[in-house]
N, C-alpha and C. Protein backbone atom coordinates (compact mmCIF):
# COMPACT_ATOMS: atom_id res chain seq x y z
N MET A 1 63.83 56.27 113.14
CA MET A 1 64.07 54.87 113.27
C MET A 1 65.29 54.45 112.94
N SER A 2 66.23 53.91 114.05
CA SER A 2 67.56 53.81 113.91
C SER A 2 68.04 52.34 113.84
N LEU A 3 67.13 51.39 114.57
CA LEU A 3 67.61 50.03 114.66
C LEU A 3 66.30 49.38 115.12
N VAL A 4 66.09 48.23 114.23
CA VAL A 4 64.88 47.39 114.45
C VAL A 4 65.52 46.04 114.76
N ILE A 5 64.93 45.53 115.98
CA ILE A 5 65.60 44.23 116.52
C ILE A 5 64.24 43.18 116.24
N GLY A 6 64.58 41.99 115.61
CA GLY A 6 63.48 40.89 115.65
C GLY A 6 63.89 39.71 116.54
N ILE A 7 63.04 39.23 117.05
CA ILE A 7 63.34 38.05 118.19
C ILE A 7 62.47 36.88 118.03
N ASP A 8 62.97 35.69 117.64
CA ASP A 8 62.29 34.60 117.48
C ASP A 8 62.60 33.85 118.92
N PRO A 9 61.59 33.79 119.68
CA PRO A 9 61.86 33.51 121.20
C PRO A 9 62.14 32.16 121.54
N GLY A 10 62.02 31.20 120.72
CA GLY A 10 62.21 29.89 121.27
C GLY A 10 63.70 29.54 121.53
N LEU A 11 63.99 28.46 122.16
CA LEU A 11 65.32 27.99 122.46
C LEU A 11 66.30 27.94 121.39
N THR A 12 65.74 27.61 120.02
CA THR A 12 66.31 27.62 118.75
C THR A 12 66.19 28.73 118.09
N GLY A 13 65.80 29.97 118.80
CA GLY A 13 65.41 31.12 117.90
C GLY A 13 66.91 31.99 117.89
N ALA A 14 66.54 33.09 117.62
CA ALA A 14 67.62 34.09 117.46
C ALA A 14 67.17 35.60 117.66
N VAL A 15 68.12 36.47 117.77
CA VAL A 15 67.80 37.95 117.73
C VAL A 15 68.63 38.38 116.51
N ALA A 16 67.89 39.29 115.80
CA ALA A 16 68.38 39.85 114.55
C ALA A 16 68.29 41.38 114.58
N PHE A 17 69.08 42.02 113.99
CA PHE A 17 69.44 43.52 113.97
C PHE A 17 69.35 44.16 112.63
N ILE A 18 68.53 45.15 112.57
CA ILE A 18 68.45 45.80 111.18
C ILE A 18 68.69 47.34 111.44
N PRO A 19 69.89 47.79 111.12
CA PRO A 19 70.07 49.30 111.56
C PRO A 19 69.70 50.10 110.34
N ARG A 20 69.61 51.36 110.67
CA ARG A 20 69.08 52.18 109.48
C ARG A 20 70.03 52.20 108.41
N GLN A 21 71.25 52.35 108.63
CA GLN A 21 72.34 52.12 107.80
C GLN A 21 73.30 50.87 107.99
N GLY A 22 73.72 50.39 106.91
CA GLY A 22 74.58 49.03 107.11
C GLY A 22 73.80 47.94 107.08
N GLU A 23 74.56 46.69 107.36
CA GLU A 23 74.09 45.57 106.89
C GLU A 23 73.44 44.94 108.35
N ALA A 24 72.52 43.98 108.11
CA ALA A 24 71.80 43.16 109.22
C ALA A 24 72.86 42.21 109.69
N TRP A 25 72.41 41.81 110.91
CA TRP A 25 73.12 40.78 111.68
C TRP A 25 72.33 39.96 112.48
N VAL A 26 72.62 38.73 112.93
CA VAL A 26 71.93 38.01 113.72
C VAL A 26 72.73 36.99 114.55
N GLU A 27 72.25 36.73 115.76
CA GLU A 27 73.01 35.97 116.82
C GLU A 27 71.67 34.90 117.31
N ASP A 28 72.25 33.79 117.58
CA ASP A 28 71.37 32.76 118.28
C ASP A 28 71.02 33.12 119.73
N THR A 29 69.81 32.69 119.81
CA THR A 29 69.19 33.08 121.34
C THR A 29 70.12 32.48 122.22
N PRO A 30 70.56 33.29 123.28
CA PRO A 30 71.54 32.52 124.33
C PRO A 30 70.77 31.77 125.42
N VAL A 31 71.27 30.65 125.66
CA VAL A 31 70.47 29.72 126.58
C VAL A 31 71.65 29.22 127.78
N MET A 32 70.89 28.84 128.71
CA MET A 32 71.57 28.34 129.99
C MET A 32 71.00 27.16 130.28
N ALA A 33 71.88 26.28 130.90
CA ALA A 33 71.60 24.92 131.29
C ALA A 33 71.13 25.07 132.91
N TYR A 34 70.02 24.43 133.24
CA TYR A 34 69.65 24.41 134.69
C TYR A 34 69.06 23.16 134.94
N SER A 35 69.07 22.72 136.38
CA SER A 35 68.64 21.53 136.69
C SER A 35 67.98 21.62 138.18
N ALA A 36 66.78 21.37 138.20
CA ALA A 36 65.97 21.20 139.43
C ALA A 36 65.98 19.86 139.89
N THR A 37 65.95 18.98 139.27
CA THR A 37 65.75 17.44 139.67
C THR A 37 67.06 16.49 139.17
N GLY A 38 68.03 17.12 138.64
CA GLY A 38 69.00 16.57 138.24
C GLY A 38 69.08 16.02 136.71
N PHE A 39 67.74 16.37 136.03
CA PHE A 39 67.88 16.12 134.62
C PHE A 39 68.05 17.78 134.09
N VAL A 40 69.13 17.73 133.32
CA VAL A 40 69.51 19.18 132.64
C VAL A 40 68.60 19.52 131.89
N LYS A 41 68.06 20.90 131.88
CA LYS A 41 67.22 21.37 130.68
C LYS A 41 67.88 22.63 130.33
N ARG A 42 67.33 23.31 129.25
CA ARG A 42 67.77 24.43 128.85
C ARG A 42 66.74 25.58 128.80
N ALA A 43 66.99 26.76 129.03
CA ALA A 43 66.19 27.94 129.15
C ALA A 43 66.91 29.21 128.61
N LEU A 44 66.03 30.19 128.19
CA LEU A 44 66.51 31.54 127.83
C LEU A 44 67.53 32.03 128.87
N ASN A 45 68.69 32.47 128.52
CA ASN A 45 69.54 33.15 129.36
C ASN A 45 69.41 34.63 129.38
N PRO A 46 68.62 35.17 130.32
CA PRO A 46 68.26 36.65 130.35
C PRO A 46 69.40 37.43 130.47
N HIS A 47 70.34 37.26 131.00
CA HIS A 47 71.65 38.14 131.20
C HIS A 47 72.38 38.01 129.95
N GLY A 48 72.41 36.90 129.17
CA GLY A 48 73.00 36.73 127.93
C GLY A 48 72.25 37.72 126.92
N LEU A 49 70.98 37.49 126.96
CA LEU A 49 70.30 38.31 125.92
C LEU A 49 70.52 39.74 126.15
N SER A 50 70.31 40.31 127.56
CA SER A 50 70.66 41.50 127.87
C SER A 50 71.92 42.15 127.20
N ARG A 51 73.11 41.24 127.44
CA ARG A 51 74.37 41.47 127.12
C ARG A 51 74.21 41.88 125.60
N ILE A 52 73.76 40.84 124.90
CA ILE A 52 73.68 40.85 123.32
C ILE A 52 73.15 42.22 122.80
N LEU A 53 71.99 42.58 123.39
CA LEU A 53 71.10 43.60 123.11
C LEU A 53 71.76 44.93 123.36
N ARG A 54 72.34 45.07 124.59
CA ARG A 54 73.01 46.21 124.96
C ARG A 54 74.32 46.45 124.11
N ALA A 55 75.20 45.35 123.96
CA ALA A 55 76.41 45.54 123.16
C ALA A 55 76.25 46.12 121.62
N HIS A 56 75.00 45.31 121.09
CA HIS A 56 74.84 45.78 119.57
C HIS A 56 74.12 47.01 119.46
N VAL A 57 73.27 47.46 120.52
CA VAL A 57 72.78 48.86 120.56
C VAL A 57 73.87 49.93 120.72
N SER A 58 74.88 49.72 121.63
CA SER A 58 75.83 50.60 121.64
C SER A 58 76.84 50.63 120.79
N SER A 59 77.02 49.61 119.90
CA SER A 59 78.01 49.56 119.07
C SER A 59 77.76 50.55 117.68
N LEU A 60 76.46 50.84 117.67
CA LEU A 60 76.04 51.79 116.43
C LEU A 60 76.37 53.24 116.85
N ASP A 61 76.84 53.90 115.87
CA ASP A 61 77.35 55.29 115.91
C ASP A 61 76.20 56.18 115.90
N THR A 62 75.13 55.95 115.68
CA THR A 62 73.80 56.82 115.56
C THR A 62 73.35 57.30 117.00
N ASP A 63 73.11 58.60 116.91
CA ASP A 63 72.74 59.13 118.38
C ASP A 63 71.28 59.86 118.14
N PRO A 64 70.32 59.68 118.77
CA PRO A 64 70.05 58.54 119.80
C PRO A 64 69.67 57.28 118.84
N VAL A 65 70.02 55.93 119.54
CA VAL A 65 69.69 54.83 118.76
C VAL A 65 68.15 54.48 118.65
N ASN A 66 67.35 54.64 119.71
CA ASN A 66 66.13 54.23 119.95
C ASN A 66 65.56 52.97 119.09
N PRO A 67 66.04 51.75 119.79
CA PRO A 67 65.92 50.54 119.14
C PRO A 67 64.30 50.30 119.39
N VAL A 68 63.81 49.53 118.52
CA VAL A 68 62.34 49.01 118.73
C VAL A 68 62.53 47.55 118.44
N VAL A 69 61.96 46.68 119.34
CA VAL A 69 62.09 45.40 119.40
C VAL A 69 60.72 44.68 118.91
N PHE A 70 60.67 43.86 118.11
CA PHE A 70 59.63 42.99 117.56
C PHE A 70 59.86 41.65 118.07
N ILE A 71 58.86 41.24 118.82
CA ILE A 71 58.99 39.83 119.35
C ILE A 71 57.83 39.00 118.72
N GLU A 72 58.03 37.82 118.25
CA GLU A 72 57.00 36.77 117.94
C GLU A 72 56.11 36.55 118.92
N ARG A 73 54.69 36.64 119.01
CA ARG A 73 53.93 36.31 119.94
C ARG A 73 53.71 34.91 119.79
N VAL A 74 54.21 34.11 120.75
CA VAL A 74 53.99 32.49 120.61
C VAL A 74 52.79 32.14 121.23
N ASN A 75 52.10 31.08 120.90
CA ASN A 75 50.99 30.38 121.46
C ASN A 75 51.10 28.88 121.38
N ALA A 76 50.23 28.33 122.25
CA ALA A 76 50.46 26.84 122.23
C ALA A 76 49.52 26.27 121.04
N PHE A 77 49.89 25.01 120.67
CA PHE A 77 48.94 24.52 119.82
C PHE A 77 48.75 23.04 119.99
N PRO A 78 47.71 22.41 119.55
CA PRO A 78 47.11 21.32 119.90
C PRO A 78 48.26 20.17 119.72
N GLY A 79 48.41 19.28 120.73
CA GLY A 79 49.37 18.26 120.61
C GLY A 79 50.78 18.59 121.28
N GLN A 80 50.90 20.08 121.40
CA GLN A 80 52.14 20.36 122.10
C GLN A 80 52.11 19.84 123.65
N GLY A 81 53.24 19.37 124.27
CA GLY A 81 53.23 18.88 125.51
C GLY A 81 53.41 20.03 126.59
N VAL A 82 52.77 19.78 127.74
CA VAL A 82 52.88 20.81 128.70
C VAL A 82 54.12 21.33 128.92
N ALA A 83 55.26 20.53 129.11
CA ALA A 83 56.63 21.18 129.50
C ALA A 83 57.18 22.05 128.17
N SER A 84 56.83 21.66 126.93
CA SER A 84 57.25 22.36 125.82
C SER A 84 56.51 23.69 125.86
N MET A 85 55.23 23.87 126.11
CA MET A 85 54.52 24.95 126.27
C MET A 85 54.99 25.92 127.19
N PHE A 86 55.38 25.34 128.38
CA PHE A 86 55.90 26.07 129.61
C PHE A 86 57.36 26.76 129.00
N SER A 87 58.26 26.00 128.61
CA SER A 87 59.40 26.33 128.13
C SER A 87 59.31 27.46 127.09
N LEU A 88 58.46 27.27 126.08
CA LEU A 88 58.38 28.35 125.06
C LEU A 88 57.71 29.71 125.81
N GLY A 89 56.96 29.56 126.63
CA GLY A 89 56.40 30.71 127.40
C GLY A 89 57.45 31.43 128.21
N MET A 90 58.27 30.60 128.85
CA MET A 90 59.31 31.12 129.60
C MET A 90 60.35 32.01 128.66
N SER A 91 60.49 31.40 127.50
CA SER A 91 61.44 32.10 126.72
C SER A 91 60.74 33.33 126.01
N TYR A 92 59.57 33.32 125.74
CA TYR A 92 58.86 34.16 125.14
C TYR A 92 58.76 35.59 126.10
N TRP A 93 58.16 35.42 127.22
CA TRP A 93 58.36 36.45 128.33
C TRP A 93 59.73 36.98 128.92
N GLY A 94 60.63 35.89 128.82
CA GLY A 94 61.94 36.25 129.37
C GLY A 94 62.45 37.38 128.19
N ALA A 95 62.27 37.12 127.07
CA ALA A 95 62.85 38.09 126.09
C ALA A 95 62.02 39.37 126.22
N PHE A 96 60.87 39.32 126.16
CA PHE A 96 59.98 40.55 126.32
C PHE A 96 60.41 41.24 127.63
N SER A 97 60.62 40.67 128.68
CA SER A 97 60.97 41.28 129.86
C SER A 97 62.28 41.86 129.85
N VAL A 98 63.34 41.42 129.29
CA VAL A 98 64.63 41.87 129.02
C VAL A 98 64.58 43.23 128.10
N ALA A 99 63.96 43.18 127.13
CA ALA A 99 63.81 44.24 126.18
C ALA A 99 63.00 45.32 126.91
N ALA A 100 61.97 45.02 127.68
CA ALA A 100 61.30 45.97 128.12
C ALA A 100 62.11 46.74 129.32
N THR A 101 62.89 45.89 130.09
CA THR A 101 63.70 46.36 131.33
C THR A 101 64.78 47.24 130.74
N LEU A 102 65.24 46.92 129.38
CA LEU A 102 66.21 47.94 128.79
C LEU A 102 65.72 49.14 128.43
N ALA A 103 64.24 49.32 128.61
CA ALA A 103 63.62 50.49 128.07
C ALA A 103 63.70 50.57 126.65
N TYR A 104 63.53 49.47 125.95
CA TYR A 104 63.51 49.54 124.37
C TYR A 104 62.03 49.44 124.21
N GLU A 105 61.49 50.11 123.05
CA GLU A 105 60.22 49.94 122.81
C GLU A 105 60.02 48.54 122.19
N THR A 106 58.89 47.85 122.70
CA THR A 106 58.77 46.35 122.46
C THR A 106 57.43 46.22 122.08
N ARG A 107 57.41 45.49 120.81
CA ARG A 107 55.99 45.02 120.26
C ARG A 107 55.91 43.65 119.77
N LEU A 108 54.74 43.15 120.22
CA LEU A 108 54.59 41.70 119.82
C LEU A 108 53.86 41.61 118.44
N VAL A 109 54.35 40.64 117.79
CA VAL A 109 53.76 40.46 116.49
C VAL A 109 53.38 39.07 116.30
N GLU A 110 52.22 38.71 115.48
CA GLU A 110 51.57 37.48 115.30
C GLU A 110 52.52 36.77 114.11
N PRO A 111 52.61 35.50 114.40
CA PRO A 111 53.25 34.70 113.38
C PRO A 111 52.64 34.74 112.10
N LYS A 112 51.24 34.69 112.14
CA LYS A 112 50.62 34.81 110.73
C LYS A 112 50.73 36.18 110.09
N ASP A 113 51.07 37.39 110.66
CA ASP A 113 51.05 38.49 110.25
C ASP A 113 52.54 38.69 109.48
N TRP A 114 53.46 38.41 110.09
CA TRP A 114 54.89 38.48 109.66
C TRP A 114 54.99 37.60 108.52
N LYS A 115 54.34 36.30 108.64
CA LYS A 115 54.52 35.21 107.58
C LYS A 115 53.64 35.80 106.43
N LYS A 116 52.48 36.41 106.47
CA LYS A 116 51.59 36.71 105.42
C LYS A 116 52.48 37.84 104.83
N TYR A 117 53.03 38.84 105.50
CA TYR A 117 53.73 39.90 104.75
C TYR A 117 54.80 39.42 103.93
N HIS A 118 55.57 38.25 104.39
CA HIS A 118 56.60 37.56 103.39
C HIS A 118 55.95 36.57 102.55
N ARG A 119 54.89 36.34 102.53
CA ARG A 119 54.07 35.36 101.70
C ARG A 119 54.53 33.96 102.09
N LEU A 120 54.66 33.71 103.26
CA LEU A 120 55.12 32.18 103.77
C LEU A 120 54.06 31.48 104.34
N ASN A 121 54.26 30.33 104.43
CA ASN A 121 53.32 29.38 105.43
C ASN A 121 54.24 29.04 106.38
N LYS A 122 53.79 27.90 107.13
CA LYS A 122 54.35 27.39 108.33
C LYS A 122 55.68 26.53 108.02
N ALA A 123 55.93 26.31 106.78
CA ALA A 123 57.21 25.67 106.41
C ALA A 123 58.52 26.48 106.66
N LYS A 124 59.37 25.82 107.61
CA LYS A 124 60.52 26.61 107.96
C LYS A 124 61.53 26.67 106.89
N GLU A 125 61.62 25.80 105.96
CA GLU A 125 62.60 25.84 104.91
C GLU A 125 62.14 27.12 103.80
N LEU A 126 60.88 27.31 103.82
CA LEU A 126 60.65 28.61 102.98
C LEU A 126 61.02 29.95 103.68
N ALA A 127 60.77 29.90 104.87
CA ALA A 127 61.30 30.99 105.67
C ALA A 127 62.85 31.28 105.59
N ARG A 128 63.57 30.10 105.57
CA ARG A 128 64.97 30.17 105.48
C ARG A 128 65.51 30.61 104.10
N GLY A 129 64.78 30.14 103.24
CA GLY A 129 65.12 30.46 101.63
C GLY A 129 64.79 31.97 101.51
N MET A 130 63.67 32.63 102.06
CA MET A 130 63.31 34.00 101.86
C MET A 130 64.34 34.86 102.74
N ALA A 131 64.70 34.43 103.87
CA ALA A 131 65.69 35.24 104.60
C ALA A 131 67.07 35.19 103.90
N GLN A 132 67.32 34.08 103.27
CA GLN A 132 68.69 34.05 102.58
C GLN A 132 68.68 34.95 101.22
N ARG A 133 67.47 35.05 100.61
CA ARG A 133 67.30 35.95 99.57
C ARG A 133 67.40 37.58 100.01
N LEU A 134 66.88 37.84 101.07
CA LEU A 134 66.68 39.41 101.49
C LEU A 134 68.07 39.66 102.19
N PHE A 135 68.80 38.67 102.81
CA PHE A 135 69.95 39.08 103.56
C PHE A 135 71.11 38.03 103.07
N PRO A 136 71.55 38.23 101.76
CA PRO A 136 72.52 37.34 101.08
C PRO A 136 73.70 37.08 101.95
N HIS A 137 74.24 38.32 102.66
CA HIS A 137 75.50 38.45 103.29
C HIS A 137 75.48 37.46 104.52
N ILE A 138 74.31 37.07 104.90
CA ILE A 138 74.01 36.27 106.04
C ILE A 138 74.14 34.85 105.80
N ASP A 139 74.93 33.77 106.28
CA ASP A 139 75.00 32.55 105.95
C ASP A 139 73.82 31.71 106.76
N LEU A 140 72.81 31.24 106.03
CA LEU A 140 71.76 30.55 106.70
C LEU A 140 71.61 29.16 106.01
N SER A 141 72.75 28.57 105.61
CA SER A 141 72.79 27.52 104.97
C SER A 141 72.34 26.04 105.71
N ARG A 142 72.53 26.16 106.99
CA ARG A 142 72.41 25.03 107.87
C ARG A 142 71.01 24.93 108.03
N VAL A 143 70.37 23.74 108.17
CA VAL A 143 68.83 23.51 108.47
C VAL A 143 68.36 24.14 109.98
N LYS A 144 69.39 24.11 110.78
CA LYS A 144 69.03 24.75 112.13
C LYS A 144 69.08 26.14 112.02
N ASP A 145 69.26 26.65 110.96
CA ASP A 145 69.44 28.32 110.72
C ASP A 145 68.07 28.82 110.69
N HIS A 146 66.93 27.97 110.96
CA HIS A 146 65.44 28.53 110.80
C HIS A 146 65.37 29.49 111.72
N GLY A 147 65.74 29.38 112.91
CA GLY A 147 65.56 30.53 114.05
C GLY A 147 66.12 31.79 113.60
N ARG A 148 67.30 31.74 113.04
CA ARG A 148 67.97 32.91 112.65
C ARG A 148 67.31 33.54 111.37
N ALA A 149 66.79 32.70 110.59
CA ALA A 149 65.87 33.17 109.50
C ALA A 149 64.66 33.94 109.83
N GLU A 150 63.92 33.24 110.81
CA GLU A 150 62.81 33.81 111.19
C GLU A 150 62.82 35.21 112.04
N ALA A 151 64.10 35.12 112.93
CA ALA A 151 64.31 36.56 113.46
C ALA A 151 64.58 37.57 112.50
N LEU A 152 65.32 37.42 111.64
CA LEU A 152 65.55 38.28 110.41
C LEU A 152 64.19 38.75 109.57
N LEU A 153 63.21 37.87 109.46
CA LEU A 153 62.05 38.07 108.79
C LEU A 153 61.25 38.95 109.70
N ILE A 154 61.30 38.70 111.09
CA ILE A 154 60.32 39.39 112.10
C ILE A 154 60.81 40.82 111.84
N ALA A 155 62.35 41.06 112.10
CA ALA A 155 62.83 42.44 112.16
C ALA A 155 62.51 43.04 110.75
N ALA A 156 62.55 42.28 109.74
CA ALA A 156 62.15 43.12 108.36
C ALA A 156 60.71 43.39 108.39
N TYR A 157 59.83 42.57 108.84
CA TYR A 157 58.45 42.87 108.98
C TYR A 157 58.26 44.06 110.05
N GLY A 158 59.02 44.19 111.14
CA GLY A 158 58.89 45.25 111.90
C GLY A 158 59.41 46.68 111.17
N ARG A 159 60.43 46.55 110.41
CA ARG A 159 60.96 47.57 109.84
C ARG A 159 59.72 48.12 108.77
N HIS A 160 59.17 47.17 108.06
CA HIS A 160 58.00 47.60 107.31
C HIS A 160 56.84 48.46 108.04
N LEU A 161 56.62 47.83 109.28
CA LEU A 161 55.53 48.33 110.00
C LEU A 161 55.83 49.79 110.32
N LEU A 162 57.09 50.02 110.91
CA LEU A 162 57.57 51.51 111.43
C LEU A 162 57.62 52.45 110.09
N LYS A 163 57.97 51.88 108.73
CA LYS A 163 58.02 52.77 107.83
C LYS A 163 56.46 53.11 107.31
N GLU A 164 55.48 52.17 107.66
CA GLU A 164 54.24 52.37 107.26
C GLU A 164 53.51 53.26 108.55
N GLY A 165 54.15 53.51 109.54
CA GLY A 165 53.60 54.35 110.67
C GLY A 165 52.76 53.43 111.55
N ALA A 166 52.56 52.19 111.47
CA ALA A 166 52.00 51.36 112.13
C ALA A 166 52.46 51.04 113.57
C-alpha cells in the first residue's frame, strides 16, 4: 500500500491523500459552474478531479504507487430536496467514475462505518476536531473545512481497512 485517497464527494467535500511515507494533504473538491436555464448551479468538475488525482499520484517517488481510493457512499435522507439529492448523486458517481477511469482501485465506504471507527456521530464539528488531532499539520480551523476533515477521516479509515486486510 503506497497511497490511500479519501473522497468526501459533496460539492463542499474534499480529496485527501495519505501516502505510505510523509504527511497527508487535502484539497477541496473541484467544482464548475453550469447553467441550462440561466440559473447558475455548481457541479463536480470531473476534469479538475482527474487533474488533482493524477498530479498527486505522479508526485510520489514510490514505484509503483498503486493508489486505493475510498469514497463515502452517500444516500438520500428524509426531507432532502430532489435537486439536492440529484446534485449529491452526480458528485458521488462523478468522483467514482473519475477514479475508476484512472484505473485506481476504488472502494465505497458507508458513513456509519468510518464514523464508528473514529467514534463520531453526525456532528461535523466533532469530525473536524478529530481530523485536526490526527493531522495537526493541516489547518482545519474554518467551519467550512468539515469536508476536508471528513475526506481525511475517510482516508484514515481506508488505511486502517488496508492494514487489516479488509
